[in-house]
Amino acid sequence: MPLSSDKTYLEAQIDSFEASGSTGGQVGVAWGWYLLSPNFAYLWPSTSRPDAYKLEKTQKIAILMTDGDYNSIHCKGVIAQDSTYGSGSISEQINCNATNGEAYKQSLAVCDAMKTAGVQVYDSQNAKDLLANCATDSTKSYDAQNGDELKQVFHDIALKISTIYLSH
């Protein structure tokens, strides 16, 4: 979903998510950056294109959440044979290794690039080591164990990134 201020539609999209199967988390991290980076603006409709970095009234914030390990990597668009445990059955895997390497290394490379560009990265620590290293700093790392805790994490992040402006 492109960037949008339509809260109702966004919440409906989130409510439709279901945890199941394998986790190609590196793909989610990359698409998070694609949504925020002006370098990828051509991917989005003109009304949803990300602003330039370091504009005075613009914050670039990525919130990464996962329900498990980043265990699925791909070769030729199919689950690679060097994916880790829990990444589909053998019959769903192709007979070649991932060309981009291991999922955690891919994710950390994208996280580092986002942070270098000025994106603040928040995370949930289900994949603790990866996401702790991915977060901009330790104050932006959370460990939600259930849906209620996850809602509280989003609430806490919203409070941290909200800014009150006083005007005449």
N, C-alpha and C. Protein backbone atom coordinates (compact mmCIF):
# COMPACT_ATOMS: atom_id res chain seq x y z
N MET A 1 0.85 -1.18 0.00
CA MET A 1 0.00 0.00 0.00
C MET A 1 0.89 1.23 0.00
N PRO A 2 0.68 2.16 -0.92
CA PRO A 2 1.48 3.39 -0.93
C PRO A 2 1.21 4.24 0.31
N LEU A 3 2.05 5.24 0.54
CA LEU A 3 1.83 6.16 1.63
C LEU A 3 0.44 6.79 1.50
N SER A 4 -0.24 6.92 2.64
CA SER A 4 -1.61 7.43 2.62
C SER A 4 -1.93 8.06 3.96
N SER A 5 -2.80 9.04 3.95
CA SER A 5 -3.31 9.62 5.19
C SER A 5 -4.70 9.07 5.51
N ASP A 6 -5.16 8.08 4.75
CA ASP A 6 -6.47 7.47 4.94
C ASP A 6 -6.38 6.43 6.06
N LYS A 7 -6.60 6.88 7.28
CA LYS A 7 -6.44 6.03 8.47
C LYS A 7 -7.37 4.81 8.43
N THR A 8 -8.61 5.01 8.00
CA THR A 8 -9.58 3.91 7.96
C THR A 8 -9.10 2.81 7.01
N TYR A 9 -8.65 3.19 5.81
CA TYR A 9 -8.17 2.19 4.85
C TYR A 9 -6.91 1.50 5.37
N LEU A 10 -6.01 2.26 5.96
CA LEU A 10 -4.78 1.69 6.51
C LEU A 10 -5.09 0.68 7.61
N GLU A 11 -5.98 1.04 8.52
CA GLU A 11 -6.35 0.12 9.60
C GLU A 11 -7.02 -1.14 9.05
N ALA A 12 -7.83 -1.00 8.02
CA ALA A 12 -8.47 -2.17 7.40
C ALA A 12 -7.41 -3.08 6.78
N GLN A 13 -6.40 -2.50 6.15
CA GLN A 13 -5.32 -3.31 5.58
C GLN A 13 -4.59 -4.07 6.69
N ILE A 14 -4.27 -3.39 7.78
CA ILE A 14 -3.56 -4.03 8.90
C ILE A 14 -4.43 -5.12 9.51
N ASP A 15 -5.71 -4.85 9.69
CA ASP A 15 -6.62 -5.83 10.29
C ASP A 15 -6.75 -7.09 9.43
N SER A 16 -6.47 -6.98 8.14
CA SER A 16 -6.58 -8.15 7.26
C SER A 16 -5.35 -9.06 7.32
N PHE A 17 -4.27 -8.62 7.96
CA PHE A 17 -3.06 -9.44 8.04
C PHE A 17 -3.28 -10.66 8.92
N GLU A 18 -2.66 -11.76 8.54
CA GLU A 18 -2.68 -12.98 9.35
C GLU A 18 -1.27 -13.55 9.41
N ALA A 19 -0.86 -13.96 10.59
CA ALA A 19 0.45 -14.59 10.75
C ALA A 19 0.35 -16.03 10.28
N SER A 20 1.23 -16.39 9.34
CA SER A 20 1.26 -17.77 8.88
C SER A 20 2.49 -17.99 8.03
N GLY A 21 2.93 -19.22 7.97
CA GLY A 21 3.99 -19.61 7.05
C GLY A 21 5.34 -19.00 7.33
N SER A 22 6.09 -18.82 6.29
CA SER A 22 7.47 -18.38 6.35
C SER A 22 7.55 -16.85 6.43
N THR A 23 8.72 -16.37 6.84
CA THR A 23 8.92 -14.93 6.97
C THR A 23 10.11 -14.50 6.13
N GLY A 24 9.84 -13.79 5.05
CA GLY A 24 10.88 -13.18 4.24
C GLY A 24 11.05 -11.74 4.71
N GLY A 25 11.47 -11.57 5.94
CA GLY A 25 11.54 -10.24 6.57
C GLY A 25 12.39 -9.24 5.83
N GLN A 26 13.44 -9.71 5.16
CA GLN A 26 14.30 -8.79 4.42
C GLN A 26 13.52 -8.08 3.31
N VAL A 27 12.52 -8.75 2.77
CA VAL A 27 11.68 -8.14 1.74
C VAL A 27 10.84 -7.02 2.35
N GLY A 28 10.29 -7.27 3.53
CA GLY A 28 9.51 -6.25 4.23
C GLY A 28 10.35 -5.04 4.61
N VAL A 29 11.57 -5.28 5.07
CA VAL A 29 12.48 -4.18 5.41
C VAL A 29 12.77 -3.34 4.17
N ALA A 30 13.05 -4.01 3.07
CA ALA A 30 13.35 -3.29 1.83
C ALA A 30 12.14 -2.47 1.37
N TRP A 31 10.94 -3.05 1.40
CA TRP A 31 9.76 -2.30 0.96
C TRP A 31 9.45 -1.15 1.91
N GLY A 32 9.78 -1.30 3.18
CA GLY A 32 9.64 -0.17 4.11
C GLY A 32 10.50 1.01 3.66
N TRP A 33 11.72 0.72 3.22
CA TRP A 33 12.59 1.78 2.75
C TRP A 33 12.08 2.36 1.43
N TYR A 34 11.58 1.49 0.55
CA TYR A 34 11.06 1.96 -0.73
C TYR A 34 9.93 2.98 -0.52
N LEU A 35 9.12 2.78 0.52
CA LEU A 35 8.02 3.70 0.82
C LEU A 35 8.52 5.07 1.27
N LEU A 36 9.68 5.09 1.94
CA LEU A 36 10.17 6.33 2.56
C LEU A 36 11.21 7.07 1.74
N SER A 37 11.92 6.39 0.89
CA SER A 37 13.04 6.99 0.18
C SER A 37 12.63 7.69 -1.11
N PRO A 38 13.06 8.94 -1.30
CA PRO A 38 12.77 9.61 -2.56
C PRO A 38 13.47 8.94 -3.75
N ASN A 39 14.46 8.12 -3.47
CA ASN A 39 15.15 7.39 -4.54
C ASN A 39 14.24 6.39 -5.25
N PHE A 40 13.15 5.99 -4.59
CA PHE A 40 12.22 5.02 -5.15
C PHE A 40 10.86 5.65 -5.45
N ALA A 41 10.80 6.97 -5.52
CA ALA A 41 9.53 7.69 -5.72
C ALA A 41 8.80 7.24 -6.98
N TYR A 42 9.55 6.85 -8.00
CA TYR A 42 8.93 6.45 -9.27
C TYR A 42 8.04 5.22 -9.13
N LEU A 43 8.18 4.48 -8.04
CA LEU A 43 7.37 3.28 -7.82
C LEU A 43 5.92 3.61 -7.43
N TRP A 44 5.67 4.84 -6.99
CA TRP A 44 4.41 5.17 -6.35
C TRP A 44 3.62 6.20 -7.14
N PRO A 45 2.29 6.21 -6.96
CA PRO A 45 1.47 7.25 -7.59
C PRO A 45 1.95 8.63 -7.11
N SER A 46 1.74 9.64 -7.92
CA SER A 46 2.26 10.98 -7.60
C SER A 46 1.77 11.48 -6.24
N THR A 47 0.57 11.11 -5.83
CA THR A 47 0.03 11.57 -4.54
C THR A 47 0.62 10.83 -3.35
N SER A 48 1.38 9.77 -3.60
CA SER A 48 1.93 8.96 -2.51
C SER A 48 3.46 8.93 -2.51
N ARG A 49 4.08 9.78 -3.27
CA ARG A 49 5.55 9.75 -3.35
C ARG A 49 6.17 10.33 -2.09
N PRO A 50 7.25 9.71 -1.62
CA PRO A 50 7.91 10.21 -0.41
C PRO A 50 8.62 11.54 -0.66
N ASP A 51 8.64 12.38 0.38
CA ASP A 51 9.36 13.65 0.32
C ASP A 51 10.87 13.41 0.36
N ALA A 52 11.61 14.45 0.05
CA ALA A 52 13.07 14.41 0.14
C ALA A 52 13.48 14.20 1.60
N TYR A 53 14.70 13.74 1.80
CA TYR A 53 15.24 13.60 3.15
C TYR A 53 15.49 14.98 3.76
N LYS A 54 15.43 15.03 5.09
CA LYS A 54 15.84 16.18 5.89
C LYS A 54 15.05 17.46 5.62
N LEU A 55 13.79 17.31 5.26
CA LEU A 55 12.92 18.48 5.20
C LEU A 55 12.50 18.83 6.62
N GLU A 56 12.37 20.11 6.90
CA GLU A 56 12.12 20.56 8.27
C GLU A 56 10.89 19.93 8.92
N LYS A 57 9.80 19.79 8.19
CA LYS A 57 8.55 19.30 8.77
C LYS A 57 8.25 17.85 8.39
N THR A 58 9.26 17.11 7.96
CA THR A 58 9.06 15.72 7.56
C THR A 58 9.92 14.80 8.40
N GLN A 59 9.29 13.77 8.96
CA GLN A 59 10.03 12.72 9.67
C GLN A 59 9.96 11.46 8.83
N LYS A 60 11.07 10.79 8.69
CA LYS A 60 11.12 9.49 8.01
C LYS A 60 11.26 8.44 9.10
N ILE A 61 10.23 7.61 9.25
CA ILE A 61 10.20 6.63 10.34
C ILE A 61 9.77 5.29 9.79
N ALA A 62 10.56 4.26 10.04
CA ALA A 62 10.20 2.88 9.67
C ALA A 62 9.95 2.11 10.95
N ILE A 63 8.82 1.42 11.01
CA ILE A 63 8.49 0.57 12.16
C ILE A 63 8.45 -0.86 11.65
N LEU A 64 9.39 -1.68 12.13
CA LEU A 64 9.51 -3.06 11.67
C LEU A 64 8.97 -4.00 12.74
N MET A 65 8.04 -4.86 12.35
CA MET A 65 7.46 -5.85 13.26
C MET A 65 7.49 -7.19 12.57
N THR A 66 7.70 -8.25 13.35
CA THR A 66 7.69 -9.58 12.77
C THR A 66 7.08 -10.57 13.75
N ASP A 67 6.54 -11.65 13.21
CA ASP A 67 5.98 -12.70 14.04
C ASP A 67 6.96 -13.86 14.18
N GLY A 68 8.17 -13.70 13.68
CA GLY A 68 9.10 -14.81 13.79
C GLY A 68 10.44 -14.50 13.17
N ASP A 69 11.18 -15.55 12.89
CA ASP A 69 12.51 -15.43 12.32
C ASP A 69 12.42 -15.09 10.84
N TYR A 70 13.46 -14.43 10.34
CA TYR A 70 13.58 -14.15 8.91
C TYR A 70 14.21 -15.40 8.29
N ASN A 71 13.36 -16.33 7.85
CA ASN A 71 13.87 -17.64 7.45
C ASN A 71 13.74 -17.94 5.97
N SER A 72 13.11 -17.07 5.20
CA SER A 72 12.88 -17.36 3.78
C SER A 72 13.69 -16.44 2.89
N ILE A 73 14.54 -17.03 2.09
CA ILE A 73 15.29 -16.31 1.07
C ILE A 73 14.93 -16.93 -0.28
N HIS A 74 15.21 -16.23 -1.36
CA HIS A 74 14.68 -16.67 -2.65
C HIS A 74 15.73 -16.78 -3.74
N CYS A 75 15.45 -17.64 -4.68
CA CYS A 75 16.23 -17.80 -5.89
C CYS A 75 15.23 -17.89 -7.05
N LYS A 76 15.37 -17.01 -8.00
CA LYS A 76 14.47 -16.99 -9.17
C LYS A 76 13.00 -16.88 -8.76
N GLY A 77 12.74 -16.13 -7.66
CA GLY A 77 11.37 -15.90 -7.23
C GLY A 77 10.73 -17.02 -6.44
N VAL A 78 11.51 -18.06 -6.10
CA VAL A 78 11.00 -19.22 -5.37
C VAL A 78 11.83 -19.39 -4.10
N ILE A 79 11.27 -20.01 -3.06
CA ILE A 79 12.01 -20.24 -1.82
C ILE A 79 13.29 -21.01 -2.14
N ALA A 80 14.42 -20.47 -1.73
CA ALA A 80 15.72 -21.07 -2.04
C ALA A 80 16.00 -22.27 -1.14
N GLN A 81 16.83 -23.17 -1.65
CA GLN A 81 17.16 -24.38 -0.88
C GLN A 81 17.98 -24.07 0.36
N ASP A 82 18.65 -22.91 0.42
CA ASP A 82 19.43 -22.57 1.61
C ASP A 82 18.65 -21.71 2.60
N SER A 83 17.30 -21.66 2.44
CA SER A 83 16.46 -21.02 3.46
C SER A 83 16.56 -21.85 4.73
N THR A 84 16.28 -21.23 5.87
CA THR A 84 16.41 -21.94 7.13
C THR A 84 15.12 -22.65 7.51
N TYR A 85 15.16 -23.38 8.61
CA TYR A 85 14.05 -24.19 9.09
C TYR A 85 12.76 -23.38 9.17
N GLY A 86 11.67 -23.96 8.75
CA GLY A 86 10.36 -23.33 8.82
C GLY A 86 9.99 -22.54 7.58
N SER A 87 10.81 -22.66 6.56
CA SER A 87 10.59 -21.88 5.34
C SER A 87 9.98 -22.75 4.25
N GLY A 88 8.76 -23.14 4.45
CA GLY A 88 8.09 -23.98 3.46
C GLY A 88 8.63 -25.39 3.44
N SER A 89 7.90 -26.28 2.78
CA SER A 89 8.34 -27.67 2.67
C SER A 89 9.38 -27.79 1.56
N ILE A 90 10.09 -28.88 1.54
CA ILE A 90 11.10 -29.13 0.50
C ILE A 90 10.47 -29.04 -0.90
N SER A 91 9.22 -29.48 -1.03
CA SER A 91 8.56 -29.44 -2.34
C SER A 91 8.28 -28.00 -2.81
N GLU A 92 8.33 -27.03 -1.89
CA GLU A 92 8.10 -25.63 -2.25
C GLU A 92 9.40 -24.88 -2.54
N GLN A 93 10.53 -25.56 -2.38
CA GLN A 93 11.82 -24.91 -2.57
C GLN A 93 12.42 -25.26 -3.92
N ILE A 94 13.16 -24.30 -4.47
CA ILE A 94 13.83 -24.50 -5.75
C ILE A 94 15.23 -25.06 -5.50
N ASN A 95 15.79 -25.71 -6.48
CA ASN A 95 17.11 -26.33 -6.35
C ASN A 95 18.24 -25.33 -6.66
N CYS A 96 18.23 -24.20 -5.97
CA CYS A 96 19.33 -23.24 -6.07
C CYS A 96 19.35 -22.39 -4.81
N ASN A 97 20.52 -21.83 -4.51
CA ASN A 97 20.68 -20.99 -3.33
C ASN A 97 20.34 -19.53 -3.65
N ALA A 98 20.01 -18.79 -2.60
CA ALA A 98 19.67 -17.37 -2.76
C ALA A 98 20.86 -16.61 -3.33
N THR A 99 20.57 -15.74 -4.27
CA THR A 99 21.62 -14.95 -4.90
C THR A 99 22.01 -13.74 -4.08
N ASN A 100 21.15 -13.30 -3.17
CA ASN A 100 21.44 -12.11 -2.35
C ASN A 100 21.98 -12.44 -0.97
N GLY A 101 22.16 -13.71 -0.66
CA GLY A 101 22.69 -14.09 0.65
C GLY A 101 21.62 -14.25 1.71
N GLU A 102 22.07 -14.39 2.92
CA GLU A 102 21.25 -14.71 4.07
C GLU A 102 20.32 -13.55 4.45
N ALA A 103 19.12 -13.86 4.93
CA ALA A 103 18.07 -12.87 5.19
C ALA A 103 18.49 -11.80 6.20
N TYR A 104 19.13 -12.20 7.29
CA TYR A 104 19.54 -11.22 8.30
C TYR A 104 20.55 -10.23 7.75
N LYS A 105 21.51 -10.72 6.98
CA LYS A 105 22.52 -9.82 6.40
C LYS A 105 21.88 -8.85 5.41
N GLN A 106 20.94 -9.34 4.62
CA GLN A 106 20.22 -8.46 3.70
C GLN A 106 19.47 -7.38 4.49
N SER A 107 18.80 -7.78 5.55
CA SER A 107 18.01 -6.84 6.35
C SER A 107 18.89 -5.80 7.01
N LEU A 108 19.99 -6.23 7.59
CA LEU A 108 20.89 -5.28 8.26
C LEU A 108 21.48 -4.29 7.27
N ALA A 109 21.79 -4.74 6.07
CA ALA A 109 22.33 -3.83 5.05
C ALA A 109 21.31 -2.75 4.71
N VAL A 110 20.04 -3.13 4.57
CA VAL A 110 19.00 -2.15 4.27
C VAL A 110 18.77 -1.24 5.48
N CYS A 111 18.76 -1.79 6.69
CA CYS A 111 18.60 -0.97 7.90
C CYS A 111 19.72 0.06 8.00
N ASP A 112 20.94 -0.37 7.77
CA ASP A 112 22.08 0.55 7.83
C ASP A 112 21.93 1.66 6.80
N ALA A 113 21.49 1.32 5.60
CA ALA A 113 21.29 2.33 4.55
C ALA A 113 20.19 3.32 4.95
N MET A 114 19.10 2.80 5.54
CA MET A 114 18.03 3.69 5.98
C MET A 114 18.53 4.65 7.05
N LYS A 115 19.24 4.12 8.05
CA LYS A 115 19.72 4.97 9.14
C LYS A 115 20.71 6.01 8.63
N THR A 116 21.57 5.62 7.70
CA THR A 116 22.53 6.56 7.11
C THR A 116 21.80 7.69 6.39
N ALA A 117 20.69 7.37 5.76
CA ALA A 117 19.91 8.36 5.02
C ALA A 117 19.09 9.26 5.96
N GLY A 118 18.99 8.90 7.23
CA GLY A 118 18.26 9.72 8.19
C GLY A 118 16.91 9.17 8.60
N VAL A 119 16.60 7.93 8.24
CA VAL A 119 15.34 7.32 8.65
C VAL A 119 15.49 6.81 10.08
N GLN A 120 14.50 7.11 10.94
CA GLN A 120 14.48 6.54 12.28
C GLN A 120 13.85 5.15 12.17
N VAL A 121 14.49 4.15 12.73
CA VAL A 121 13.99 2.78 12.61
C VAL A 121 13.60 2.26 13.99
N TYR A 122 12.33 1.91 14.12
CA TYR A 122 11.80 1.27 15.32
C TYR A 122 11.58 -0.20 15.00
N ASP A 123 11.60 -1.05 16.03
CA ASP A 123 11.34 -2.46 15.77
C ASP A 123 10.67 -3.13 16.94
N SER A 124 10.16 -4.33 16.67
CA SER A 124 9.66 -5.24 17.68
C SER A 124 10.67 -6.38 17.73
N GLN A 125 10.96 -6.90 18.91
CA GLN A 125 12.09 -7.82 19.02
C GLN A 125 11.74 -9.29 18.95
N ASN A 126 10.86 -9.71 18.12
CA ASN A 126 10.66 -11.15 17.97
C ASN A 126 11.89 -11.80 17.34
N ALA A 127 12.50 -11.16 16.40
CA ALA A 127 13.77 -11.62 15.84
C ALA A 127 14.83 -10.74 16.51
N LYS A 128 15.06 -10.98 17.79
CA LYS A 128 15.74 -10.06 18.69
C LYS A 128 17.08 -9.54 18.21
N ASP A 129 18.00 -10.38 17.85
CA ASP A 129 19.34 -9.90 17.49
C ASP A 129 19.30 -9.01 16.26
N LEU A 130 18.60 -9.45 15.25
CA LEU A 130 18.51 -8.66 14.02
C LEU A 130 17.88 -7.31 14.29
N LEU A 131 16.71 -7.32 14.87
CA LEU A 131 15.97 -6.08 15.01
C LEU A 131 16.62 -5.14 16.02
N ALA A 132 17.26 -5.67 17.05
CA ALA A 132 17.96 -4.80 17.99
C ALA A 132 19.07 -4.05 17.27
N ASN A 133 19.76 -4.70 16.35
CA ASN A 133 20.81 -4.05 15.58
C ASN A 133 20.23 -3.14 14.50
N CYS A 134 19.02 -3.40 14.09
CA CYS A 134 18.38 -2.62 13.04
C CYS A 134 17.82 -1.31 13.59
N ALA A 135 17.33 -1.30 14.82
CA ALA A 135 16.75 -0.09 15.39
C ALA A 135 17.79 1.02 15.44
N THR A 136 17.34 2.26 15.30
CA THR A 136 18.23 3.40 15.34
C THR A 136 19.02 3.43 16.64
N ASP A 137 18.37 3.13 17.76
CA ASP A 137 19.04 3.00 19.06
C ASP A 137 18.15 2.16 19.98
N SER A 138 18.64 1.83 21.17
CA SER A 138 17.93 0.91 22.06
C SER A 138 16.59 1.44 22.54
N THR A 139 16.38 2.76 22.52
CA THR A 139 15.09 3.31 22.93
C THR A 139 14.01 3.09 21.87
N LYS A 140 14.40 2.58 20.73
CA LYS A 140 13.46 2.35 19.63
C LYS A 140 13.28 0.85 19.37
N SER A 141 13.56 0.04 20.38
CA SER A 141 13.43 -1.40 20.25
C SER A 141 12.45 -1.92 21.30
N TYR A 142 11.49 -2.72 20.88
CA TYR A 142 10.44 -3.23 21.75
C TYR A 142 10.35 -4.75 21.64
N ASP A 143 9.76 -5.38 22.66
CA ASP A 143 9.56 -6.83 22.67
C ASP A 143 8.11 -7.13 23.03
N ALA A 144 7.22 -7.02 22.04
CA ALA A 144 5.79 -7.29 22.26
C ALA A 144 5.55 -8.79 22.18
N GLN A 145 4.89 -9.35 23.18
CA GLN A 145 4.65 -10.79 23.24
C GLN A 145 3.26 -11.20 22.79
N ASN A 146 2.35 -10.22 22.64
CA ASN A 146 0.98 -10.55 22.23
C ASN A 146 0.34 -9.32 21.59
N GLY A 147 -0.88 -9.48 21.14
CA GLY A 147 -1.57 -8.41 20.45
C GLY A 147 -1.76 -7.16 21.29
N ASP A 148 -2.10 -7.32 22.57
CA ASP A 148 -2.29 -6.15 23.43
C ASP A 148 -0.97 -5.39 23.62
N GLU A 149 0.11 -6.12 23.82
CA GLU A 149 1.41 -5.47 23.97
C GLU A 149 1.81 -4.78 22.66
N LEU A 150 1.50 -5.39 21.54
CA LEU A 150 1.82 -4.79 20.25
C LEU A 150 1.07 -3.47 20.06
N LYS A 151 -0.20 -3.43 20.45
CA LYS A 151 -0.97 -2.19 20.38
C LYS A 151 -0.31 -1.11 21.25
N GLN A 152 0.18 -1.51 22.43
CA GLN A 152 0.84 -0.56 23.32
C GLN A 152 2.14 -0.04 22.70
N VAL A 153 2.87 -0.93 22.01
CA VAL A 153 4.09 -0.51 21.32
C VAL A 153 3.77 0.58 20.30
N PHE A 154 2.76 0.36 19.48
CA PHE A 154 2.38 1.36 18.48
C PHE A 154 1.96 2.67 19.15
N HIS A 155 1.25 2.56 20.27
CA HIS A 155 0.86 3.75 21.01
C HIS A 155 2.09 4.50 21.51
N ASP A 156 3.04 3.79 22.10
CA ASP A 156 4.27 4.41 22.60
C ASP A 156 5.06 5.08 21.48
N ILE A 157 5.17 4.41 20.34
CA ILE A 157 5.89 4.99 19.21
C ILE A 157 5.18 6.24 18.72
N ALA A 158 3.86 6.18 18.64
CA ALA A 158 3.09 7.36 18.19
C ALA A 158 3.35 8.54 19.11
N LEU A 159 3.40 8.30 20.42
CA LEU A 159 3.68 9.39 21.36
C LEU A 159 5.10 9.95 21.16
N LYS A 160 6.05 9.07 20.91
CA LYS A 160 7.43 9.51 20.73
C LYS A 160 7.62 10.36 19.48
N ILE A 161 6.90 10.03 18.42
CA ILE A 161 7.13 10.74 17.16
C ILE A 161 6.21 11.92 16.97
N SER A 162 5.21 12.06 17.83
CA SER A 162 4.30 13.21 17.73
C SER A 162 5.01 14.46 18.22
N THR A 163 4.78 15.54 17.53
CA THR A 163 5.36 16.82 17.91
C THR A 163 4.24 17.83 18.01
N ILE A 164 4.25 18.61 19.07
CA ILE A 164 3.24 19.64 19.26
C ILE A 164 3.83 20.96 18.78
N TYR A 165 3.11 21.63 17.91
CA TYR A 165 3.53 22.93 17.42
C TYR A 165 2.63 24.01 17.99
N LEU A 166 3.22 25.06 18.55
CA LEU A 166 2.45 26.21 19.03
C LEU A 166 2.59 27.31 18.02
N SER A 167 1.49 27.95 17.71
CA SER A 167 1.54 29.08 16.77
C SER A 167 0.69 30.22 17.31
N HIS A 168 0.84 31.37 16.74
CA HIS A 168 0.08 32.55 17.17
C HIS A 168 -1.35 32.45 16.71
